[in-house]
Amino acid sequence: MRRLLIILKNKQYGEKEVKKLKNPAQRFYYNTNMTIEQKITFLEYAKVQMKEYGKKKIPLYDPDARWMLNKKNREEISYNIQTCVDTESQLIMSVHNSQNANDCFELPPTLQKAIENSPVKPEEVLADAGYNSEITFVFLKKEDIEGYIYNSTQSRIDKGKRRTNPFSLDNVEINYEDNYIQCFMGHPLFNKYTYTVIDKNKEELGLPADTKRIYVNTEACKECSLRQECLSEKQNHKTYTIYGSPEKREMIVKMKTEEAQKIYSQRAPTVESPFGTFKQYYHIDVMFYRGREKIENIFNLYATAYNLNKIYKKLINKLITENNEYIYFVKEKINKYN
């Protein structure tokens, strides 16, 4: 990209320099649909995107897009579309188009748009483990919204994908209130060391620091009958290490309660249903548009169409169930053909 910019900006470079470029760069150079000034502006923007997001490569035909893993674990050029859906009406409250492959930063901007769009501020939000992060918890606390969010371990267990290794964290009982871990064999491992993890990036964002807790019980490990299966050759005792801010620990404790799990169970049918419709009828897997803003605008149109259709069906159902004359007319026609 740097060589291509130099060649475009300096007219003294000739065909020999252009031929040294890779084929995609040569095709871009000889593209007659853009002027030299447009090509320079386009490449400068792409250069800024690479620097800002720390990427070594981005697609030239859409510098706003990013390489992401799809559901089949394959890399493809994509956007990360976020939606906020009302659990009761199943109407889409907001759409947010992100360039981040990870969801951990995306709940605040998506929910902020929902707050602006809705006449009533939401009291609760349900989100999957991908949104379990300090930036989410800080935002929810600031907006005074109750969050229900599993962590990765709770999410795996909820989906029936608990790790098979009996000695992993998925198969131990973590007691956050009394600060100990009960291992697979029922032995308690106590919190021996506690450290505050210094993270300059989190400090700059005003996020709470993680706490590193190390749990051990050397005496129990000495007498354990599964010592050989549990420990490696270099280990004398089992060590469990848990990271997490106080906000994360509070969320984990809350999500262990039956009440929180009952509320959280509403998330999957509410959120997944609209996306299924978008994929089947709006074909969002392949969109013939470029640019983050344009894609978000297109998706907002899709969401508006989805909402109007949903509202129309609700009104029709209400009309049918409440209008006695209509019900009598339908019954009369059915009886006629019977």
Protein backbone atom coordinates (compact mmCIF):
# COMPACT_ATOMS: atom_id res chain seq x y z
CA MET A 1 0.00 0.00 0.00
CA ARG A 2 2.85 2.38 0.85
CA ARG A 3 4.56 1.69 -2.53
CA LEU A 4 1.28 2.17 -4.38
CA LEU A 5 0.71 5.54 -2.66
CA ILE A 6 4.25 6.69 -3.51
CA ILE A 7 3.76 5.78 -7.18
CA LEU A 8 0.38 7.54 -7.36
CA LYS A 9 1.65 10.69 -5.64
CA ASN A 10 4.88 10.96 -7.66
CA LYS A 11 4.37 11.09 -11.42
CA GLN A 12 8.07 10.46 -12.18
CA TYR A 13 7.61 6.75 -11.41
CA GLY A 14 6.99 4.78 -14.60
CA GLU A 15 5.66 1.44 -15.75
CA LYS A 16 8.68 -0.43 -14.38
CA GLU A 17 7.76 0.49 -10.79
CA VAL A 18 4.12 -0.43 -11.35
CA LYS A 19 5.10 -3.90 -12.65
CA LYS A 20 7.00 -4.55 -9.40
CA LEU A 21 3.69 -4.34 -7.51
CA LYS A 22 1.59 -7.42 -6.76
CA ASN A 23 -1.29 -8.16 -9.13
CA PRO A 24 -4.08 -6.73 -6.89
CA ALA A 25 -2.14 -3.47 -6.56
CA GLN A 26 -1.57 -3.33 -10.32
CA ARG A 27 -5.27 -3.85 -10.98
CA PHE A 28 -6.08 -1.05 -8.55
CA TYR A 29 -3.53 1.23 -10.24
CA TYR A 30 -5.02 0.64 -13.71
CA ASN A 31 -8.64 0.93 -12.54
CA THR A 32 -10.23 3.50 -14.87
CA ASN A 33 -13.36 3.98 -12.72
CA MET A 34 -11.41 6.14 -10.23
CA THR A 35 -9.27 9.24 -10.70
CA ILE A 36 -5.77 9.40 -9.22
CA GLU A 37 -7.05 11.74 -6.49
CA GLN A 38 -9.84 9.30 -5.60
CA LYS A 39 -7.37 6.40 -5.45
CA ILE A 40 -5.05 8.37 -3.14
CA THR A 41 -7.96 9.38 -0.86
CA PHE A 42 -9.20 5.77 -0.79
CA LEU A 43 -5.78 4.35 0.11
CA GLU A 44 -5.13 7.01 2.77
CA TYR A 45 -8.44 6.07 4.42
CA ALA A 46 -7.51 2.38 4.27
CA LYS A 47 -4.14 3.23 5.83
CA VAL A 48 -5.86 5.03 8.73
CA GLN A 49 -8.17 2.03 9.27
CA MET A 50 -5.19 -0.34 9.45
CA LYS A 51 -3.35 1.85 11.93
CA GLU A 52 -6.38 2.53 14.12
CA TYR A 53 -7.38 -1.13 14.44
CA GLY A 54 -3.86 -2.58 14.40
CA LYS A 55 -4.51 -4.69 11.30
CA LYS A 56 -1.81 -5.84 8.87
CA LYS A 57 -4.30 -6.29 6.05
CA ILE A 58 -7.81 -5.14 5.19
CA PRO A 59 -9.94 -5.67 2.06
CA LEU A 60 -9.32 -2.86 -0.40
CA TYR A 61 -12.81 -3.07 -1.90
CA ASP A 62 -14.28 -2.33 1.57
CA PRO A 63 -11.71 -0.91 4.07
CA ASP A 64 -14.40 -0.74 6.79
CA ALA A 65 -14.90 -4.54 6.76
CA ARG A 66 -12.79 -7.00 8.75
CA TRP A 67 -11.74 -10.65 8.57
CA MET A 68 -13.93 -12.59 11.03
CA LEU A 69 -14.71 -16.22 11.80
CA ASN A 70 -18.18 -17.31 10.71
CA LYS A 71 -20.36 -19.96 12.38
CA LYS A 72 -18.46 -22.68 10.52
CA ASN A 73 -15.17 -21.36 11.94
CA ARG A 74 -14.02 -20.08 8.56
CA GLU A 75 -12.52 -16.65 7.98
CA GLU A 76 -14.49 -14.31 5.78
CA ILE A 77 -14.76 -10.55 5.23
CA SER A 78 -17.63 -9.44 7.44
CA TYR A 79 -19.27 -6.96 9.76
CA ASN A 80 -20.49 -7.74 13.26
CA ILE A 81 -24.20 -6.84 13.21
CA GLN A 82 -25.72 -6.31 16.66
CA THR A 83 -29.42 -6.04 17.50
CA CYS A 84 -31.35 -5.28 20.67
CA VAL A 85 -34.71 -7.07 20.79
CA ASP A 86 -37.61 -6.55 23.20
CA THR A 87 -38.47 -9.87 24.88
CA GLU A 88 -42.21 -9.20 25.15
CA SER A 89 -43.06 -7.80 21.69
CA GLN A 90 -40.02 -9.30 19.89
CA LEU A 91 -39.60 -5.96 18.10
CA ILE A 92 -36.08 -4.85 17.20
CA MET A 93 -35.19 -1.83 19.34
CA SER A 94 -31.83 -0.98 17.76
CA VAL A 95 -29.21 -2.03 15.21
CA HIS A 96 -25.47 -1.48 15.54
CA ASN A 97 -22.87 -2.41 12.93
CA SER A 98 -19.45 -3.10 14.41
CA GLN A 99 -15.98 -3.74 12.98
CA ASN A 100 -14.95 -5.75 16.04
CA ALA A 101 -14.92 -9.53 15.70
CA ASN A 102 -15.40 -9.83 19.48
CA ASP A 103 -18.73 -8.93 21.14
CA CYS A 104 -17.26 -7.80 24.47
CA PHE A 105 -17.34 -4.07 23.54
CA GLU A 106 -20.65 -4.07 21.67
CA LEU A 107 -23.40 -4.06 24.31
CA PRO A 108 -23.00 -0.38 25.38
CA PRO A 109 -23.36 1.19 21.88
CA THR A 110 -26.18 -1.22 20.92
CA LEU A 111 -28.12 -0.68 24.14
CA GLN A 112 -27.52 3.09 24.02
CA LYS A 113 -29.28 3.24 20.65
CA ALA A 114 -32.15 1.16 22.06
CA ILE A 115 -32.51 3.61 24.96
CA GLU A 116 -32.65 6.52 22.49
CA ASN A 117 -35.20 4.73 20.26
CA SER A 118 -37.52 3.54 23.01
CA PRO A 119 -40.08 5.76 24.83
CA VAL A 120 -39.47 3.66 27.94
CA LYS A 121 -35.98 2.93 29.25
CA PRO A 122 -35.34 -0.83 29.63
CA GLU A 123 -35.00 -2.09 33.19
CA GLU A 124 -33.23 -5.37 32.37
CA VAL A 125 -30.94 -6.69 29.66
CA LEU A 126 -30.14 -10.31 28.78
CA ALA A 127 -26.94 -11.09 26.88
CA ASP A 128 -24.81 -14.15 26.17
CA ALA A 129 -21.30 -14.84 27.44
CA GLY A 130 -19.65 -12.87 24.63
CA TYR A 131 -20.76 -9.63 26.31
CA ASN A 132 -19.43 -10.59 29.76
CA SER A 133 -16.86 -7.82 30.23
CA GLU A 134 -16.06 -4.91 32.53
CA ILE A 135 -17.05 -2.34 29.91
CA THR A 136 -20.53 -3.90 29.86
CA PHE A 137 -20.86 -3.91 33.65
CA VAL A 138 -19.68 -0.29 33.99
CA PHE A 139 -22.24 0.82 31.37
CA LEU A 140 -25.11 -1.09 33.03
CA LYS A 141 -24.25 0.39 36.41
CA LYS A 142 -24.09 3.90 34.95
CA GLU A 143 -27.48 3.48 33.23
CA ASP A 144 -29.02 1.73 36.28
CA ILE A 145 -30.03 -1.33 34.22
CA GLU A 146 -30.06 -4.85 35.69
CA GLY A 147 -27.94 -7.25 33.66
CA TYR A 148 -28.28 -11.02 33.26
CA ILE A 149 -25.16 -12.34 31.54
CA TYR A 150 -23.54 -15.77 31.80
CA ASN A 151 -19.77 -16.18 31.77
CA SER A 152 -18.15 -18.67 29.37
CA THR A 153 -18.22 -21.57 31.87
CA GLN A 154 -21.88 -21.07 32.77
CA SER A 155 -22.75 -20.75 29.08
CA ARG A 156 -21.05 -24.07 28.22
CA ILE A 157 -22.85 -25.86 31.06
CA ASP A 158 -26.19 -24.30 30.05
CA LYS A 159 -25.71 -25.58 26.46
CA GLY A 160 -24.72 -29.05 27.66
CA LYS A 161 -21.14 -28.61 26.47
CA ARG A 162 -19.38 -29.00 29.79
CA ARG A 163 -15.70 -29.93 29.39
CA THR A 164 -15.12 -33.63 29.86
CA ASN A 165 -11.96 -33.25 31.92
CA PRO A 166 -13.21 -33.83 35.50
CA PHE A 167 -10.43 -31.62 36.90
CA SER A 168 -11.20 -28.52 34.78
CA LEU A 169 -12.93 -25.43 36.19
CA ASP A 170 -16.18 -26.58 34.54
CA ASN A 171 -16.39 -29.47 37.03
CA VAL A 172 -15.50 -27.75 40.29
CA GLU A 173 -17.72 -25.78 42.65
CA ILE A 174 -16.54 -22.19 43.06
CA ASN A 175 -17.86 -20.55 46.23
CA TYR A 176 -17.39 -16.82 45.69
CA GLU A 177 -19.10 -15.84 48.96
CA ASP A 178 -16.71 -17.84 51.18
CA ASN A 179 -13.83 -17.60 48.68
CA TYR A 180 -12.88 -21.26 48.18
CA ILE A 181 -13.09 -23.94 45.45
CA GLN A 182 -14.38 -27.46 45.96
CA CYS A 183 -12.56 -29.80 43.59
CA PHE A 184 -13.92 -32.84 41.73
CA MET A 185 -13.12 -35.10 44.71
CA GLY A 186 -14.86 -32.76 47.19
CA HIS A 187 -11.71 -31.26 48.74
CA PRO A 188 -11.71 -27.49 49.46
CA LEU A 189 -8.94 -25.41 47.85
CA PHE A 190 -8.38 -22.12 49.65
CA ASN A 191 -7.46 -18.69 48.30
CA LYS A 192 -3.76 -18.49 49.18
CA TYR A 193 -2.62 -15.58 46.97
CA THR A 194 -4.49 -12.55 45.63
CA TYR A 195 -3.05 -10.03 43.15
CA THR A 196 -4.39 -6.96 41.39
CA VAL A 197 -3.63 -7.21 37.67
CA ILE A 198 -2.26 -3.94 36.31
CA ASP A 199 -3.69 -3.21 32.84
CA LYS A 200 -2.93 0.25 31.40
CA ASN A 201 -5.56 -0.13 28.68
CA LYS A 202 -8.27 -0.74 31.29
CA GLU A 203 -7.01 2.18 33.38
CA GLU A 204 -7.27 4.50 30.38
CA LEU A 205 -10.85 3.33 29.72
CA GLY A 206 -11.76 3.79 33.40
CA LEU A 207 -12.55 0.09 33.83
CA PRO A 208 -12.12 -1.83 37.10
CA ALA A 209 -8.92 -3.86 37.43
CA ASP A 210 -8.98 -7.65 37.37
CA THR A 211 -8.13 -9.57 40.51
CA LYS A 212 -6.03 -12.73 40.20
CA ARG A 213 -6.81 -15.36 42.83
CA ILE A 214 -4.83 -18.58 43.29
CA TYR A 215 -6.42 -21.52 45.14
CA VAL A 216 -4.46 -24.47 46.59
CA ASN A 217 -4.67 -27.20 49.24
CA THR A 218 -1.34 -29.02 49.41
CA GLU A 219 -2.37 -31.37 52.24
CA ALA A 220 -5.49 -32.60 50.44
CA CYS A 221 -3.52 -33.22 47.24
CA LYS A 222 -0.96 -35.37 49.08
CA GLU A 223 -3.65 -37.80 50.26
CA CYS A 224 -5.88 -37.69 47.13
CA SER A 225 -6.51 -41.06 45.42
CA LEU A 226 -6.68 -39.38 41.97
CA ARG A 227 -3.41 -37.52 42.41
CA GLN A 228 -1.71 -39.15 39.42
CA GLU A 229 -4.64 -38.47 37.05
CA CYS A 230 -5.10 -34.89 38.26
CA LEU A 231 -1.49 -33.64 38.40
CA SER A 232 1.23 -33.47 35.78
CA GLU A 233 4.73 -34.88 36.46
CA LYS A 234 6.03 -31.44 37.43
CA GLN A 235 3.16 -30.62 39.81
CA ASN A 236 3.15 -31.32 43.55
CA HIS A 237 -0.37 -30.02 44.08
CA LYS A 238 -3.35 -28.75 42.11
CA THR A 239 -3.61 -24.99 41.50
CA TYR A 240 -6.68 -23.16 40.24
CA THR A 241 -6.32 -19.56 39.05
CA ILE A 242 -9.37 -17.31 38.65
CA TYR A 243 -9.38 -13.82 37.14
CA GLY A 244 -12.17 -11.32 37.48
CA SER A 245 -13.18 -7.92 38.76
CA PRO A 246 -15.66 -7.61 41.67
CA GLU A 247 -18.38 -6.80 39.10
CA LYS A 248 -17.71 -10.04 37.23
CA ARG A 249 -17.86 -12.08 40.43
CA GLU A 250 -21.16 -10.45 41.42
CA MET A 251 -22.64 -11.37 38.04
CA ILE A 252 -21.48 -14.99 38.37
CA VAL A 253 -23.06 -15.31 41.81
CA LYS A 254 -26.33 -13.77 40.61
CA MET A 255 -26.50 -16.03 37.53
CA LYS A 256 -26.30 -19.11 39.76
CA THR A 257 -29.73 -18.32 41.26
CA GLU A 258 -32.88 -19.98 39.88
CA GLU A 259 -34.59 -16.59 39.48
CA ALA A 260 -31.78 -15.22 37.26
CA GLN A 261 -31.65 -18.40 35.18
CA LYS A 262 -35.42 -18.26 34.63
CA ILE A 263 -35.17 -14.66 33.38
CA TYR A 264 -32.15 -15.50 31.21
CA SER A 265 -34.04 -18.37 29.52
CA GLN A 266 -36.08 -15.75 27.60
CA ARG A 267 -32.99 -14.61 25.66
CA ALA A 268 -32.51 -17.36 23.06
CA PRO A 269 -36.04 -17.48 21.52
CA THR A 270 -36.24 -13.66 21.51
CA VAL A 271 -32.93 -12.84 19.84
CA GLU A 272 -32.43 -15.84 17.55
CA SER A 273 -35.88 -15.62 15.94
CA PRO A 274 -35.31 -12.27 14.11
CA PHE A 275 -31.86 -13.33 12.88
CA GLY A 276 -33.35 -16.50 11.45
CA THR A 277 -35.85 -14.37 9.52
CA PHE A 278 -33.09 -12.04 8.29
CA LYS A 279 -31.02 -14.93 7.00
CA GLN A 280 -33.90 -16.73 5.31
CA TYR A 281 -35.80 -13.80 3.76
CA TYR A 282 -33.36 -10.88 3.69
CA HIS A 283 -30.21 -12.91 2.89
CA ILE A 284 -27.95 -10.95 5.24
CA ASP A 285 -25.20 -13.56 4.79
CA VAL A 286 -24.38 -11.90 1.46
CA MET A 287 -24.98 -8.15 1.13
CA PHE A 288 -24.07 -6.29 -2.05
CA TYR A 289 -23.12 -3.06 -0.31
CA ARG A 290 -19.92 -1.53 1.03
CA GLY A 291 -19.08 0.63 4.03
CA ARG A 292 -19.99 0.28 7.69
CA GLU A 293 -22.48 3.16 7.71
CA LYS A 294 -24.26 2.03 4.54
CA ILE A 295 -24.56 -1.56 5.79
CA GLU A 296 -26.02 -0.30 9.09
CA ASN A 297 -28.55 1.88 7.23
CA ILE A 298 -29.60 -1.08 5.05
CA PHE A 299 -29.98 -3.29 8.11
CA ASN A 300 -32.05 -0.57 9.81
CA LEU A 301 -34.42 -0.72 6.83
CA TYR A 302 -34.62 -4.50 7.20
CA ALA A 303 -35.36 -4.11 10.92
CA THR A 304 -38.07 -1.52 10.18
CA ALA A 305 -39.71 -3.85 7.65
CA TYR A 306 -39.50 -6.71 10.16
CA ASN A 307 -41.08 -4.57 12.91
CA LEU A 308 -43.91 -3.33 10.65
CA ASN A 309 -44.71 -6.89 9.62
CA LYS A 310 -44.67 -7.99 13.27
CA ILE A 311 -46.96 -5.13 14.34
CA TYR A 312 -49.34 -5.80 11.44
CA LYS A 313 -49.67 -9.47 12.40
CA LYS A 314 -50.30 -8.57 16.05
CA LEU A 315 -53.03 -6.08 15.07
CA ILE A 316 -54.69 -8.59 12.73
CA ASN A 317 -54.63 -11.30 15.42
CA LYS A 318 -56.13 -8.87 17.91
CA LEU A 319 -58.82 -7.86 15.41
CA ILE A 320 -59.70 -11.49 14.69
CA THR A 321 -59.90 -12.54 18.34
CA GLU A 322 -61.91 -9.50 19.47
CA ASN A 323 -64.31 -9.05 16.53
CA ASN A 324 -67.32 -11.32 17.08
CA GLU A 325 -68.86 -10.53 13.67
CA TYR A 326 -65.67 -11.62 11.91
CA ILE A 327 -65.50 -14.81 13.94
CA TYR A 328 -69.15 -15.59 13.11
CA PHE A 329 -68.49 -14.95 9.39
CA VAL A 330 -65.48 -17.32 9.39
CA LYS A 331 -67.41 -20.04 11.23
CA GLU A 332 -70.31 -19.70 8.80
CA LYS A 333 -68.00 -20.16 5.79
CA ILE A 334 -66.27 -23.15 7.38
CA ASN A 335 -69.61 -24.83 8.17
CA LYS A 336 -70.77 -24.17 4.61
CA TYR A 337 -67.86 -26.13 3.13
CA ASN A 338 -68.08 -28.89 5.72
